[in-house]
């Protein structure tokens, strides 16, 4: 299930998939899979993405 809330949070900050992935320290393909709902992030990765976008990491779970 696509995480439209994540896409919205990213685009509101004018970030590309690559920019957000770089800031979170993960690959662009992994981030894209998370955003599209194909993969779930680990707790560590969820925290990194949440830090970049400014929300609570628990929203992923």
C-alpha atoms as a PDB file:
ATOM      1  CA  UNK A   1       0.000   0.000   0.000  1.00  0.00           C
ATOM      2  CA  UNK A   2       1.505   3.288  -1.134  1.00  0.00           C
ATOM      3  CA  UNK A   3       2.427   5.671   1.659  1.00  0.00           C
ATOM      4  CA  UNK A   4       0.881   8.835   0.233  1.00  0.00           C
ATOM      5  CA  UNK A   5       1.491  10.646   3.524  1.00  0.00           C
ATOM      6  CA  UNK A   6       5.217  10.032   3.061  1.00  0.00           C
ATOM      7  CA  UNK A   7       5.146  11.304  -0.518  1.00  0.00           C
ATOM      8  CA  UNK A   8       3.328  14.427   0.670  1.00  0.00           C
ATOM      9  CA  UNK A   9       5.819  15.043   3.485  1.00  0.00           C
ATOM     10  CA  UNK A  10       8.736  14.705   1.056  1.00  0.00           C
ATOM     11  CA  UNK A  11       7.272  16.895  -1.679  1.00  0.00           C
ATOM     12  CA  UNK A  12       6.213  19.605   0.802  1.00  0.00           C
ATOM     13  CA  UNK A  13       9.915  19.965   1.577  1.00  0.00           C
ATOM     14  CA  UNK A  14      10.801  19.979  -2.129  1.00  0.00           C
ATOM     15  CA  UNK A  15      13.016  16.914  -1.808  1.00  0.00           C
ATOM     16  CA  UNK A  16      13.623  14.306  -4.474  1.00  0.00           C
ATOM     17  CA  UNK A  17      13.852  10.616  -3.642  1.00  0.00           C
ATOM     18  CA  UNK A  18      17.631  10.866  -4.024  1.00  0.00           C
ATOM     19  CA  UNK A  19      17.977  13.909  -1.778  1.00  0.00           C
ATOM     20  CA  UNK A  20      15.934  12.363   1.009  1.00  0.00           C
ATOM     21  CA  UNK A  21      17.743   9.040   0.710  1.00  0.00           C
ATOM     22  CA  UNK A  22      21.111  10.803   0.907  1.00  0.00           C
ATOM     23  CA  UNK A  23      20.025  12.752   3.979  1.00  0.00           C
ATOM     24  CA  UNK A  24      18.784   9.556   5.652  1.00  0.00           C
ATOM     25  CA  UNK A  25      21.873   7.576   4.667  1.00  0.00           C
ATOM     26  CA  UNK A  26      20.039   4.950   2.619  1.00  0.00           C
ATOM     27  CA  UNK A  27      19.881   4.074  -1.069  1.00  0.00           C
ATOM     28  CA  UNK A  28      17.401   5.805  -3.354  1.00  0.00           C
ATOM     29  CA  UNK A  29      15.921   2.480  -4.433  1.00  0.00           C
ATOM     30  CA  UNK A  30      15.322   1.411  -0.818  1.00  0.00           C
ATOM     31  CA  UNK A  31      13.635   4.731  -0.041  1.00  0.00           C
ATOM     32  CA  UNK A  32      11.481   4.494  -3.168  1.00  0.00           C
ATOM     33  CA  UNK A  33      10.357   1.002  -2.150  1.00  0.00           C
ATOM     34  CA  UNK A  34       9.460   2.270   1.326  1.00  0.00           C
ATOM     35  CA  UNK A  35       7.462   5.182  -0.083  1.00  0.00           C
ATOM     36  CA  UNK A  36       5.646   2.957  -2.560  1.00  0.00           C
ATOM     37  CA  UNK A  37       4.804   0.447   0.179  1.00  0.00           C
ATOM     38  CA  UNK A  38       6.829  -2.424  -1.262  1.00  0.00           C
ATOM     39  CA  UNK A  39       9.115  -2.580   1.781  1.00  0.00           C
ATOM     40  CA  UNK A  40       8.878  -1.642   5.420  1.00  0.00           C
ATOM     41  CA  UNK A  41      11.755   0.246   6.996  1.00  0.00           C
ATOM     42  CA  UNK A  42      13.680  -1.041   9.968  1.00  0.00           C
ATOM     43  CA  UNK A  43      13.240   0.960  13.165  1.00  0.00           C
ATOM     44  CA  UNK A  44      16.637   2.565  12.556  1.00  0.00           C
ATOM     45  CA  UNK A  45      15.725   3.638   9.017  1.00  0.00           C
ATOM     46  CA  UNK A  46      12.264   4.818  10.089  1.00  0.00           C
ATOM     47  CA  UNK A  47      13.939   7.065  12.681  1.00  0.00           C
ATOM     48  CA  UNK A  48      16.345   8.483  10.082  1.00  0.00           C
ATOM     49  CA  UNK A  49      13.564   9.282   7.604  1.00  0.00           C
ATOM     50  CA  UNK A  50      11.408  10.761  10.355  1.00  0.00           C
ATOM     51  CA  UNK A  51      14.298  12.977  11.495  1.00  0.00           C
ATOM     52  CA  UNK A  52      14.761  14.312   7.968  1.00  0.00           C
ATOM     53  CA  UNK A  53      11.049  15.005   7.470  1.00  0.00           C
ATOM     54  CA  UNK A  54      10.207  16.074  11.028  1.00  0.00           C
ATOM     55  CA  UNK A  55       7.634  13.564  12.234  1.00  0.00           C
ATOM     56  CA  UNK A  56       7.405  10.703  14.753  1.00  0.00           C
ATOM     57  CA  UNK A  57       9.006   7.543  13.402  1.00  0.00           C
ATOM     58  CA  UNK A  58       6.270   5.331  14.848  1.00  0.00           C
ATOM     59  CA  UNK A  59       3.890   6.415  12.075  1.00  0.00           C
ATOM     60  CA  UNK A  60       5.510   3.725   9.917  1.00  0.00           C
ATOM     61  CA  UNK A  61       4.204   1.034  12.254  1.00  0.00           C
END
